[in-house]
Amino acid sequence: MSADRKKTPKAGRTAPSRGGAVATDRMLRTLLRRRKKQLSIEDVTVTDRPEVRRAVLAAALGNMMEWFDFGVYAYMAVTLGKVFFPSSSSGAQVIAAFATFAAAFLVRPLGGLVFGPLGDRIGRQRVLAATMIMMAVSTFAVGFLPGYATAGFVAPVLLLVCRLVQGFSTGGEYAGATTYIAEYAPDTRRGFLGSWLDFGTFVGYALGSGLVTVLTAVLGTDGMTDWGWRLPFLIAGPLGLIGLYMRMRLEETPAFRAETEAARARTSGAVGSHEEEVEQARQSGHGRLKEIFTRHWEAVLICMGLVVVYNVTSYMVTSYLPTYMTETLGKNATTAHLLILGTMVLVALTITVVGRSSDVWGRRPMFMAGSAALIALAVPSMLLVRADGALLPAFGCLVLGLLLVCFAGTAAATLPALFPTRMRYGALSVSYNISVSLFGGTTPLVVSALLETTDNAMIPAYYLMAAGAIGLVSAFFLHETAGKPLRGSGPMVETPEQARLLVADSRTEAGRHARDIWTRLRHPGHSHDEER
């Protein structure tokens, strides 16, 4: 009887104990729920569709103009060699023309060092307008240059100066354009919208190469050497004015505006002179560059590796292959130009499909599959290009174009997502342009020199295989970013309804997270799966 009394608690003590346990449980669950940050409606950006369309169009137009120039220069490498380097042999003329082409890429890192951090400080829109002006003026000026027969040694020097200005401005162009589109695009459509930037790339190249092909057919080789080579460069002037008008009408990206407000809050909230000096040093260009290489070096290396495989493939197909087929293989110039032009049309037609696919399947699988296929198919495709006739070479160019579009349709959404908002433009500019300068833009020059030295017609295939290996390793270490917010930015959606659903899902997830932890704390060894 007494034992039963000891085991049975008094009624007056039971109620407070249970009430205290319930209150403790509620408090614990509330604290745990707060640990898991919930989204509020203010954290989600609802994009404005007309603004997004203007942003994509203006960025793509600038890229189109840049690659219009590249297409013209690549297709007229032989002609420009005769105009500016007439005293050399035909092989030396091509190498000299491509050396001038490659010189522009040597100053691209300098442009990236200047324009990238500047874009992170004063805004993406202003810098993109400045790069557009520089590109248009320098390209337009090439059309007025005197040839070697008129000005002697001064002529190639002036050509080099124009190319250096083009390269310097381009140092801030692609990184800025990709950053701009990425910061405007909804998270679930970043691949599709970003692919329009490179759509502009290949449309510009196709327009430039197509114009040269038509002029060559109409004027002939002698007419192009005499004066026809100037016409494509002169067209760059009106294109530049249109692009500048488009970019001057753009607004700053939502991500940059939010980051600017946060930076102002950090600066105004700094207490004491030492803290304020530290914050100012962190925001300076030098501070950003130091942070890029000390805290984000892994992202820099991944970015450079992905840029290698994309740009080596791109410049091999677009800039070197026309000269390879005419000078090395002895094919008809018009046939070679039409084959590459058809390849560019194929890339342009499929690039947005690849971009949309990367939103569904992910960026990492696209890069890994493209890199592995490049390693496996580089030699067979180049053997097809070397075949007689037009059918087999056309199929070889088709294979190379499909390999190229795997990278071209994915890069604009992948590369900006590697870096946080406050240094995205600068980090991407530096990483991208260093890689392009060392490996991408030098591809025609290096391959031409290796071919001249070794007399091995398969050098282009081996070069592509090496680039594919670098891309495969880089893609292996790439973290998937498809459908996720950019680093340092909140989620971006297309409609207010999507924003409300995202916030509701966030609260549900936070509640589920808190419940799981509470269950483990209150009932050690209890399986949540068993409860369900």
Protein backbone atom coordinates (compact mmCIF):
# COMPACT_ATOMS: atom_id res chain seq x y z
CA MET A 1 0.00 0.00 0.00
CA SER A 2 2.77 2.39 0.94
CA ALA A 3 4.72 1.36 -2.13
CA ASP A 4 1.76 2.21 -4.31
CA ARG A 5 1.54 5.60 -2.71
CA LYS A 6 5.20 6.31 -3.41
CA LYS A 7 4.86 5.40 -7.06
CA THR A 8 1.76 7.54 -7.61
CA PRO A 9 2.55 11.27 -7.86
CA LYS A 10 0.25 13.76 -6.24
CA ALA A 11 -2.34 15.35 -8.47
CA GLY A 12 -1.28 18.86 -7.49
CA ARG A 13 2.28 18.27 -8.74
CA THR A 14 1.37 16.47 -11.96
CA ALA A 15 -0.39 19.35 -13.74
CA PRO A 16 2.42 21.90 -13.31
CA SER A 17 4.98 19.35 -14.44
CA ARG A 18 3.06 18.57 -17.62
CA GLY A 19 2.35 22.24 -18.25
CA GLY A 20 6.01 23.07 -17.83
CA ALA A 21 7.01 20.28 -20.21
CA VAL A 22 4.55 21.49 -22.83
CA ALA A 23 5.79 25.07 -22.50
CA THR A 24 9.39 23.90 -22.77
CA ASP A 25 8.56 21.86 -25.84
CA ARG A 26 6.85 24.79 -27.51
CA MET A 27 9.74 27.11 -26.71
CA LEU A 28 12.25 24.56 -27.99
CA ARG A 29 10.37 24.06 -31.25
CA THR A 30 10.05 27.83 -31.73
CA LEU A 31 13.77 28.34 -31.22
CA LEU A 32 14.62 25.50 -33.58
CA ARG A 33 12.25 26.86 -36.21
CA ARG A 34 13.97 30.24 -36.01
CA ARG A 35 17.37 28.61 -36.47
CA LYS A 36 16.30 27.53 -39.96
CA LYS A 37 15.98 30.85 -41.80
CA GLN A 38 12.63 31.24 -43.45
CA LEU A 39 12.06 33.23 -46.59
CA SER A 40 9.87 36.27 -46.43
CA ILE A 41 8.09 37.73 -49.42
CA GLU A 42 10.62 40.59 -49.39
CA ASP A 43 13.47 38.12 -49.92
CA VAL A 44 12.06 36.94 -53.25
CA THR A 45 12.48 39.06 -56.40
CA VAL A 46 9.71 38.93 -58.97
CA THR A 47 11.24 39.73 -62.35
CA ASP A 48 9.65 42.11 -64.81
CA ARG A 49 9.31 40.34 -68.16
CA PRO A 50 9.73 43.44 -70.40
CA GLU A 51 12.87 44.40 -68.46
CA VAL A 52 14.24 40.87 -68.76
CA ARG A 53 13.64 40.90 -72.52
CA ARG A 54 15.39 44.26 -72.89
CA ALA A 55 18.32 43.05 -70.79
CA VAL A 56 18.75 39.87 -72.84
CA LEU A 57 18.40 41.73 -76.15
CA ALA A 58 20.89 44.47 -75.27
CA ALA A 59 23.47 42.03 -73.91
CA ALA A 60 23.10 39.69 -76.88
CA LEU A 61 23.41 42.58 -79.34
CA GLY A 62 26.76 43.63 -77.87
CA ASN A 63 28.03 40.09 -78.06
CA MET A 64 26.75 39.83 -81.63
CA MET A 65 28.77 42.86 -82.63
CA GLU A 66 31.92 41.51 -80.96
CA TRP A 67 31.65 38.24 -82.84
CA PHE A 68 30.69 39.93 -86.07
CA ASP A 69 34.19 41.38 -85.95
CA PHE A 70 35.70 37.97 -85.11
CA GLY A 71 33.87 36.32 -87.98
CA VAL A 72 35.04 38.98 -90.41
CA TYR A 73 38.63 38.78 -89.21
CA ALA A 74 38.75 34.97 -89.24
CA TYR A 75 37.31 34.69 -92.74
CA MET A 76 39.61 37.40 -94.07
CA ALA A 77 42.80 36.24 -92.37
CA VAL A 78 44.35 35.37 -95.74
CA THR A 79 43.20 38.66 -97.30
CA LEU A 80 44.37 40.77 -94.36
CA GLY A 81 47.71 38.96 -94.48
CA LYS A 82 48.14 40.09 -98.10
CA VAL A 83 47.07 43.68 -97.31
CA PHE A 84 49.17 44.24 -94.19
CA PHE A 85 52.00 41.68 -94.50
CA PRO A 86 52.65 41.38 -98.28
CA SER A 87 56.40 40.74 -98.08
CA SER A 88 55.98 37.38 -96.28
CA SER A 89 55.25 33.93 -97.67
CA SER A 90 51.63 32.75 -97.73
CA GLY A 91 52.10 30.64 -94.56
CA ALA A 92 53.87 33.48 -92.77
CA GLN A 93 51.12 35.90 -93.81
CA VAL A 94 48.48 33.72 -92.18
CA ILE A 95 50.56 33.37 -89.01
CA ALA A 96 51.16 37.14 -88.91
CA ALA A 97 47.45 37.85 -89.37
CA PHE A 98 46.54 35.41 -86.59
CA ALA A 99 49.31 36.85 -84.39
CA THR A 100 47.61 40.24 -84.69
CA PHE A 101 44.32 38.49 -83.96
CA ALA A 102 45.83 36.84 -80.87
CA ALA A 103 47.43 40.09 -79.67
CA ALA A 104 43.98 41.39 -78.76
CA PHE A 105 43.63 38.51 -76.33
CA LEU A 106 46.83 39.38 -74.52
CA VAL A 107 45.30 42.63 -73.26
CA ARG A 108 41.94 41.07 -72.38
CA PRO A 109 43.05 40.29 -68.80
CA LEU A 110 43.99 43.96 -68.41
CA GLY A 111 40.52 44.92 -69.57
CA GLY A 112 39.06 42.40 -67.16
CA LEU A 113 41.14 43.80 -64.28
CA VAL A 114 39.86 47.30 -65.05
CA PHE A 115 36.25 46.76 -66.11
CA GLY A 116 35.40 43.81 -63.82
CA PRO A 117 36.00 45.42 -60.39
CA LEU A 118 34.67 48.68 -61.81
CA GLY A 119 31.42 46.94 -62.73
CA ASP A 120 31.15 45.63 -59.17
CA ARG A 121 31.57 49.16 -57.80
CA ILE A 122 29.67 51.51 -60.13
CA GLY A 123 27.28 49.07 -61.79
CA ARG A 124 27.02 46.63 -64.66
CA GLN A 125 25.04 48.88 -67.00
CA ARG A 126 27.56 51.75 -67.12
CA VAL A 127 30.51 49.50 -67.83
CA LEU A 128 28.64 47.61 -70.56
CA ALA A 129 27.83 50.92 -72.28
CA ALA A 130 31.52 51.91 -72.14
CA THR A 131 32.73 48.62 -73.61
CA MET A 132 30.19 48.93 -76.42
CA ILE A 133 31.55 52.36 -77.40
CA MET A 134 35.16 51.16 -77.42
CA MET A 135 34.37 48.07 -79.48
CA ALA A 136 32.36 49.98 -82.07
CA VAL A 137 34.94 52.74 -82.55
CA SER A 138 37.96 50.42 -82.79
CA THR A 139 36.25 48.02 -85.22
CA PHE A 140 34.94 50.88 -87.35
CA ALA A 141 38.44 52.39 -87.49
CA VAL A 142 39.90 49.23 -89.10
CA GLY A 143 37.88 49.99 -92.21
CA PHE A 144 39.83 53.27 -92.69
CA LEU A 145 43.35 51.91 -92.16
CA PRO A 146 45.91 52.25 -94.97
CA GLY A 147 47.43 49.07 -96.35
CA TYR A 148 51.11 48.17 -96.32
CA ALA A 149 51.48 49.41 -99.90
CA THR A 150 50.41 52.90 -98.77
CA ALA A 151 51.84 53.34 -95.27
CA GLY A 152 54.52 50.65 -95.03
CA PHE A 153 55.31 49.40 -91.54
CA VAL A 154 52.85 51.87 -90.02
CA ALA A 155 49.89 49.93 -91.48
CA PRO A 156 50.28 46.70 -89.44
CA VAL A 157 51.09 48.81 -86.35
CA LEU A 158 47.79 50.67 -86.70
CA LEU A 159 45.97 47.38 -87.19
CA LEU A 160 47.60 46.10 -84.02
CA VAL A 161 46.52 49.21 -82.09
CA CYS A 162 42.91 48.76 -83.18
CA ARG A 163 43.01 45.10 -82.19
CA LEU A 164 44.45 45.99 -78.78
CA VAL A 165 41.63 48.46 -78.13
CA GLN A 166 39.13 45.81 -79.18
CA GLY A 167 40.73 43.28 -76.87
CA PHE A 168 40.81 45.69 -73.93
CA SER A 169 37.12 46.53 -74.29
CA THR A 170 36.21 42.87 -74.79
CA GLY A 171 37.86 42.15 -71.44
CA GLY A 172 34.78 43.57 -69.78
CA GLU A 173 32.18 42.60 -72.36
CA TYR A 174 31.38 38.88 -72.08
CA ALA A 175 31.72 38.67 -68.29
CA GLY A 176 29.57 41.76 -67.90
CA ALA A 177 26.93 40.54 -70.32
CA THR A 178 26.67 37.10 -68.69
CA THR A 179 26.54 38.69 -65.24
CA TYR A 180 23.83 41.09 -66.36
CA ILE A 181 21.58 38.39 -67.82
CA ALA A 182 22.18 35.99 -64.92
CA GLU A 183 21.21 38.66 -62.37
CA TYR A 184 18.01 39.43 -64.25
CA ALA A 185 16.89 35.88 -65.08
CA PRO A 186 14.51 33.81 -62.91
CA ASP A 187 16.31 30.91 -61.25
CA THR A 188 14.41 28.25 -63.20
CA ARG A 189 15.06 29.87 -66.62
CA ARG A 190 18.63 31.12 -66.26
CA GLY A 191 20.00 28.54 -68.67
CA PHE A 192 17.47 29.33 -71.39
CA LEU A 193 17.78 33.12 -71.09
CA GLY A 194 21.56 32.99 -70.76
CA SER A 195 21.83 30.93 -73.94
CA TRP A 196 20.48 33.90 -75.91
CA LEU A 197 23.73 35.72 -75.17
CA ASP A 198 25.72 33.10 -77.05
CA PHE A 199 22.96 32.96 -79.64
CA GLY A 200 23.96 36.55 -80.37
CA THR A 201 27.56 35.37 -80.50
CA PHE A 202 26.97 32.87 -83.29
CA VAL A 203 24.49 35.02 -85.15
CA GLY A 204 27.11 37.78 -85.20
CA TYR A 205 29.73 35.36 -86.39
CA ALA A 206 27.39 33.99 -89.06
CA LEU A 207 26.57 37.51 -90.24
CA GLY A 208 30.24 38.46 -90.42
CA SER A 209 31.34 35.29 -92.15
CA GLY A 210 28.32 35.31 -94.44
CA LEU A 211 29.03 38.89 -95.48
CA VAL A 212 32.65 38.02 -96.29
CA THR A 213 31.53 34.97 -98.26
CA VAL A 214 29.09 37.04 -100.32
CA LEU A 215 31.61 39.82 -100.93
CA THR A 216 34.27 37.32 -101.95
CA ALA A 217 31.89 35.68 -104.43
CA VAL A 218 30.85 39.06 -105.88
CA LEU A 219 34.15 40.96 -105.87
CA GLY A 220 36.58 38.07 -106.24
CA THR A 221 39.89 37.64 -104.44
CA ASP A 222 41.52 40.64 -106.13
CA GLY A 223 38.59 42.93 -105.38
CA MET A 224 38.61 41.93 -101.71
CA THR A 225 42.36 42.55 -101.48
CA ASP A 226 42.10 45.94 -103.19
CA TRP A 227 39.22 47.52 -101.27
CA GLY A 228 36.43 45.05 -100.44
CA TRP A 229 37.99 44.03 -97.12
CA ARG A 230 37.05 47.45 -95.67
CA LEU A 231 33.27 47.06 -96.07
CA PRO A 232 32.56 44.56 -93.25
CA PHE A 233 34.45 46.69 -90.72
CA LEU A 234 32.61 49.87 -91.74
CA ILE A 235 29.27 48.18 -90.99
CA ALA A 236 30.34 47.92 -87.34
CA GLY A 237 29.71 51.66 -86.88
CA PRO A 238 25.91 51.59 -87.28
CA LEU A 239 25.70 48.31 -85.33
CA GLY A 240 27.60 49.94 -82.47
CA LEU A 241 25.22 52.90 -82.36
CA ILE A 242 22.22 50.57 -82.15
CA GLY A 243 23.85 48.53 -79.39
CA LEU A 244 24.80 51.66 -77.43
CA TYR A 245 21.24 52.98 -77.64
CA MET A 246 19.91 49.68 -76.31
CA ARG A 247 22.32 49.58 -73.41
CA MET A 248 21.80 53.17 -72.37
CA ARG A 249 18.11 52.38 -71.83
CA LEU A 250 18.82 49.51 -69.43
CA GLU A 251 18.23 49.56 -65.68
CA GLU A 252 20.70 48.20 -63.15
CA THR A 253 20.19 44.55 -62.15
CA PRO A 254 18.09 43.74 -59.05
CA ALA A 255 20.95 41.75 -57.51
CA PHE A 256 23.39 44.66 -57.85
CA ARG A 257 20.87 47.12 -56.39
CA ALA A 258 20.31 44.86 -53.38
CA GLU A 259 24.05 44.36 -52.89
CA THR A 260 24.67 48.12 -53.09
CA GLU A 261 22.08 48.78 -50.40
CA ALA A 262 23.59 46.08 -48.19
CA ALA A 263 27.10 47.54 -48.69
CA ARG A 264 25.85 50.99 -47.68
CA ALA A 265 24.27 49.52 -44.58
CA ARG A 266 27.52 47.77 -43.66
CA THR A 267 29.53 50.96 -44.17
CA SER A 268 27.12 53.15 -42.20
CA GLY A 269 26.95 50.54 -39.46
CA ALA A 270 30.73 50.32 -39.03
CA VAL A 271 31.73 51.53 -35.58
CA GLY A 272 35.09 53.28 -35.18
CA SER A 273 37.68 54.37 -37.70
CA HIS A 274 39.45 50.99 -37.85
CA GLU A 275 36.28 49.06 -38.76
CA GLU A 276 35.38 51.66 -41.36
CA GLU A 277 38.84 51.46 -42.95
CA VAL A 278 38.58 47.66 -43.08
CA GLU A 279 35.18 47.87 -44.80
CA GLN A 280 36.44 50.45 -47.31
CA ALA A 281 39.49 48.29 -48.11
CA ARG A 282 37.17 45.32 -48.60
CA GLN A 283 35.05 47.28 -51.05
CA SER A 284 38.02 48.67 -53.02
CA GLY A 285 39.18 47.19 -56.30
CA HIS A 286 42.42 45.91 -54.77
CA GLY A 287 40.52 44.38 -51.86
CA ARG A 288 38.15 42.59 -54.20
CA LEU A 289 40.97 41.18 -56.34
CA LYS A 290 42.80 39.94 -53.26
CA GLU A 291 39.63 38.26 -52.03
CA ILE A 292 39.04 36.64 -55.43
CA PHE A 293 42.38 34.83 -55.42
CA THR A 294 42.54 34.02 -51.69
CA ARG A 295 38.99 33.00 -50.81
CA HIS A 296 37.55 31.94 -54.18
CA TRP A 297 40.53 30.31 -55.88
CA GLU A 298 38.67 27.01 -56.37
CA ALA A 299 35.87 28.75 -58.25
CA VAL A 300 38.49 30.63 -60.30
CA LEU A 301 40.17 27.37 -61.36
CA ILE A 302 36.86 25.70 -62.23
CA CYS A 303 35.83 28.75 -64.24
CA MET A 304 39.12 28.80 -66.14
CA GLY A 305 38.87 25.09 -66.95
CA LEU A 306 35.33 25.40 -68.29
CA VAL A 307 36.32 28.45 -70.32
CA VAL A 308 39.24 26.50 -71.84
CA VAL A 309 37.06 23.74 -73.25
CA TYR A 310 34.41 26.17 -74.48
CA ASN A 311 36.73 28.70 -76.09
CA VAL A 312 39.26 26.29 -77.59
CA THR A 313 36.38 24.48 -79.30
CA SER A 314 34.77 27.75 -80.35
CA TYR A 315 37.88 29.39 -81.79
CA MET A 316 38.99 26.17 -83.40
CA VAL A 317 35.69 25.85 -85.28
CA THR A 318 34.92 29.50 -85.95
CA SER A 319 38.34 31.16 -86.37
CA TYR A 320 40.81 28.49 -87.44
CA LEU A 321 38.84 25.88 -89.38
CA PRO A 322 38.15 28.09 -92.44
CA THR A 323 41.88 28.79 -92.85
CA TYR A 324 42.75 25.15 -92.08
CA MET A 325 40.50 23.89 -94.86
CA THR A 326 41.73 26.38 -97.46
CA GLU A 327 45.44 26.71 -96.66
CA THR A 328 46.26 23.26 -95.25
CA LEU A 329 43.77 21.01 -97.01
CA GLY A 330 43.56 23.01 -100.23
CA LYS A 331 39.78 23.13 -100.36
CA ASN A 332 37.86 25.75 -102.29
CA ALA A 333 37.47 28.92 -100.20
CA THR A 334 33.78 29.35 -100.94
CA THR A 335 33.05 25.70 -100.05
CA ALA A 336 35.01 25.97 -96.78
CA HIS A 337 33.25 29.20 -95.83
CA LEU A 338 29.83 27.75 -96.55
CA LEU A 339 30.58 24.68 -94.43
CA ILE A 340 31.52 26.79 -91.41
CA LEU A 341 28.63 29.14 -92.03
CA GLY A 342 26.25 26.17 -92.02
CA THR A 343 27.83 24.97 -88.77
CA MET A 344 27.22 28.37 -87.17
CA VAL A 345 23.60 28.33 -88.29
CA LEU A 346 23.20 24.88 -86.73
CA VAL A 347 24.69 26.11 -83.44
CA ALA A 348 22.44 29.18 -83.45
CA LEU A 349 19.34 27.05 -84.07
CA THR A 350 20.09 24.56 -81.27
CA ILE A 351 21.72 26.74 -78.63
CA THR A 352 18.54 27.81 -76.82
CA VAL A 353 17.35 24.19 -76.78
CA VAL A 354 20.58 23.26 -74.97
CA GLY A 355 20.14 26.21 -72.60
CA ARG A 356 16.61 25.10 -71.71
CA SER A 357 17.84 21.52 -71.28
CA SER A 358 20.47 22.69 -68.79
CA ASP A 359 17.64 24.15 -66.67
CA VAL A 360 16.11 20.67 -66.53
CA TRP A 361 19.11 18.32 -66.45
CA GLY A 362 21.67 20.61 -64.85
CA ARG A 363 24.81 22.46 -65.95
CA ARG A 364 27.26 19.84 -64.69
CA PRO A 365 25.91 16.95 -66.80
CA MET A 366 25.94 19.12 -69.93
CA PHE A 367 29.59 20.09 -69.50
CA MET A 368 30.69 16.58 -68.56
CA ALA A 369 28.88 14.96 -71.48
CA GLY A 370 30.20 17.56 -73.94
CA SER A 371 33.79 17.23 -72.69
CA ALA A 372 33.75 13.42 -72.83
CA ALA A 373 32.25 13.50 -76.33
CA LEU A 374 34.91 15.98 -77.45
CA ILE A 375 37.67 13.63 -76.34
CA ALA A 376 36.05 10.70 -78.14
CA LEU A 377 34.97 12.45 -81.36
CA ALA A 378 37.69 15.01 -82.05
CA VAL A 379 39.79 12.67 -84.21
CA PRO A 380 36.87 11.12 -86.16
CA SER A 381 35.34 14.53 -86.89
CA MET A 382 38.66 15.95 -88.08
CA LEU A 383 39.19 12.93 -90.34
CA LEU A 384 35.79 13.67 -91.88
CA VAL A 385 36.77 17.31 -92.40
CA ARG A 386 39.89 16.16 -94.25
CA ALA A 387 37.92 13.90 -96.62
CA ASP A 388 37.40 14.79 -100.26
CA GLY A 389 34.21 16.30 -101.55
CA ALA A 390 31.70 18.26 -99.51
CA LEU A 391 29.40 15.68 -97.87
CA LEU A 392 31.83 14.06 -95.41
CA PRO A 393 33.48 17.37 -94.43
CA ALA A 394 29.98 18.79 -93.86
CA PHE A 395 29.21 15.90 -91.51
CA GLY A 396 32.51 16.47 -89.68
CA CYS A 397 31.66 20.15 -89.22
CA LEU A 398 28.19 19.12 -88.02
CA VAL A 399 29.71 16.95 -85.29
CA LEU A 400 32.03 19.75 -84.17
CA GLY A 401 29.12 22.17 -84.10
CA LEU A 402 27.04 19.87 -81.89
CA LEU A 403 29.99 19.48 -79.53
CA LEU A 404 30.44 23.24 -79.41
CA VAL A 405 26.79 23.92 -78.61
CA CYS A 406 27.00 21.74 -75.47
CA PHE A 407 29.30 24.37 -73.98
CA ALA A 408 27.92 27.46 -75.70
CA GLY A 409 24.35 26.85 -74.53
CA THR A 410 25.38 26.28 -70.91
CA ALA A 411 28.29 28.63 -70.17
CA ALA A 412 26.40 31.91 -69.68
CA ALA A 413 24.30 30.40 -66.87
CA THR A 414 27.11 28.37 -65.31
CA LEU A 415 30.00 30.82 -64.99
CA PRO A 416 28.30 33.75 -63.15
CA ALA A 417 26.84 31.33 -60.58
CA LEU A 418 30.36 30.43 -59.40
CA PHE A 419 30.88 33.76 -57.62
CA PRO A 420 28.98 35.90 -55.07
CA THR A 421 27.18 39.06 -56.17
CA ARG A 422 29.54 41.60 -54.65
CA MET A 423 32.48 40.40 -56.76
CA ARG A 424 30.78 38.45 -59.56
CA TYR A 425 31.67 40.80 -62.42
CA GLY A 426 35.30 41.19 -61.34
CA ALA A 427 35.95 37.53 -60.53
CA LEU A 428 34.36 36.34 -63.75
CA SER A 429 36.19 38.98 -65.83
CA VAL A 430 39.58 38.05 -64.44
CA SER A 431 39.06 34.27 -64.59
CA TYR A 432 37.44 34.28 -68.01
CA ASN A 433 39.92 36.58 -69.70
CA ILE A 434 43.05 34.95 -68.31
CA SER A 435 41.82 31.60 -69.60
CA VAL A 436 40.76 33.01 -72.99
CA SER A 437 44.05 34.86 -73.40
CA LEU A 438 46.24 31.87 -72.62
CA PHE A 439 44.26 29.13 -74.35
CA GLY A 440 41.21 30.36 -76.28
CA GLY A 441 42.15 33.28 -78.49
CA THR A 442 45.63 31.89 -79.10
CA THR A 443 44.18 28.65 -80.52
CA PRO A 444 44.49 29.67 -84.21
CA LEU A 445 48.04 30.95 -83.70
CA VAL A 446 49.27 27.96 -81.66
CA VAL A 447 47.66 25.37 -83.93
CA SER A 448 48.98 27.13 -87.05
CA ALA A 449 52.50 27.22 -85.60
CA LEU A 450 52.37 23.55 -84.49
CA LEU A 451 51.06 22.53 -87.89
CA GLU A 452 53.82 24.46 -89.64
CA THR A 453 56.45 22.89 -87.36
CA THR A 454 55.28 19.27 -87.24
CA ASP A 455 53.50 19.04 -90.62
CA ASN A 456 50.90 16.86 -88.86
CA ALA A 457 47.40 17.63 -90.16
CA MET A 458 45.78 16.05 -87.07
CA ILE A 459 47.17 18.68 -84.66
CA PRO A 460 43.74 20.42 -84.39
CA ALA A 461 42.12 17.16 -83.22
CA TYR A 462 44.77 16.55 -80.56
CA TYR A 463 44.40 20.12 -79.34
CA LEU A 464 40.64 19.63 -78.98
CA MET A 465 41.18 16.40 -77.03
CA ALA A 466 43.46 18.17 -74.55
CA ALA A 467 40.84 20.88 -74.06
CA GLY A 468 38.16 18.22 -73.53
CA ALA A 469 40.25 16.58 -70.79
CA ILE A 470 40.60 19.92 -68.99
CA GLY A 471 36.85 20.54 -69.28
CA LEU A 472 36.00 17.08 -67.96
CA VAL A 473 38.12 17.54 -64.82
CA SER A 474 36.69 21.03 -64.22
CA ALA A 475 33.09 19.86 -64.65
CA PHE A 476 33.71 17.02 -62.19
CA PHE A 477 34.39 19.57 -59.41
CA LEU A 478 31.54 21.87 -60.47
CA HIS A 479 28.66 22.21 -57.99
CA GLU A 480 25.22 22.09 -59.57
CA THR A 481 23.51 25.49 -59.70
CA ALA A 482 20.51 24.87 -61.98
CA GLY A 483 17.29 26.17 -60.46
CA LYS A 484 19.09 27.68 -57.45
CA PRO A 485 19.58 31.35 -56.52
CA LEU A 486 22.86 33.00 -57.40
CA ARG A 487 25.43 33.12 -54.62
CA GLY A 488 24.84 36.15 -52.42
CA SER A 489 21.37 36.80 -53.88
CA GLY A 490 17.84 35.85 -52.97
CA PRO A 491 15.52 33.71 -55.11
CA MET A 492 14.19 35.15 -58.37
CA VAL A 493 10.85 34.08 -59.83
CA GLU A 494 8.59 35.14 -62.68
CA THR A 495 5.24 35.75 -60.95
CA PRO A 496 3.94 36.84 -57.51
CA GLU A 497 2.19 33.47 -57.22
CA GLN A 498 5.55 31.67 -57.57
CA ALA A 499 6.97 33.95 -54.87
CA ARG A 500 4.12 33.09 -52.45
CA LEU A 501 4.54 29.38 -53.12
CA LEU A 502 8.28 29.62 -52.53
CA VAL A 503 7.76 31.40 -49.20
CA ALA A 504 5.13 28.84 -48.15
CA ASP A 505 7.46 25.96 -49.07
CA SER A 506 10.25 27.62 -47.10
CA ARG A 507 8.07 27.84 -43.99
CA THR A 508 6.97 24.24 -44.38
CA GLU A 509 10.56 23.13 -44.76
CA ALA A 510 11.62 25.17 -41.72
CA GLY A 511 8.82 23.61 -39.66
CA ARG A 512 9.75 20.10 -40.81
CA HIS A 513 13.41 20.77 -39.98
CA ALA A 514 12.50 21.99 -36.50
CA ARG A 515 10.21 19.01 -35.89
CA ASP A 516 12.91 16.53 -36.87
CA ILE A 517 15.47 18.07 -34.54
CA TRP A 518 12.94 18.35 -31.72
CA THR A 519 12.01 14.69 -32.13
CA ARG A 520 15.65 13.64 -31.95
CA LEU A 521 16.27 15.77 -28.86
CA ARG A 522 13.12 14.77 -26.97
CA HIS A 523 13.15 11.11 -28.01
CA PRO A 524 16.71 9.88 -28.60
CA GLY A 525 16.71 6.70 -30.64
CA HIS A 526 13.21 7.40 -31.95
CA SER A 527 13.05 7.03 -35.73
CA HIS A 528 11.11 9.73 -37.55
CA ASP A 529 10.59 7.32 -40.41
CA GLU A 530 8.83 4.92 -38.03
CA GLU A 531 6.57 7.77 -36.89
CA ARG A 532 5.54 8.42 -40.45
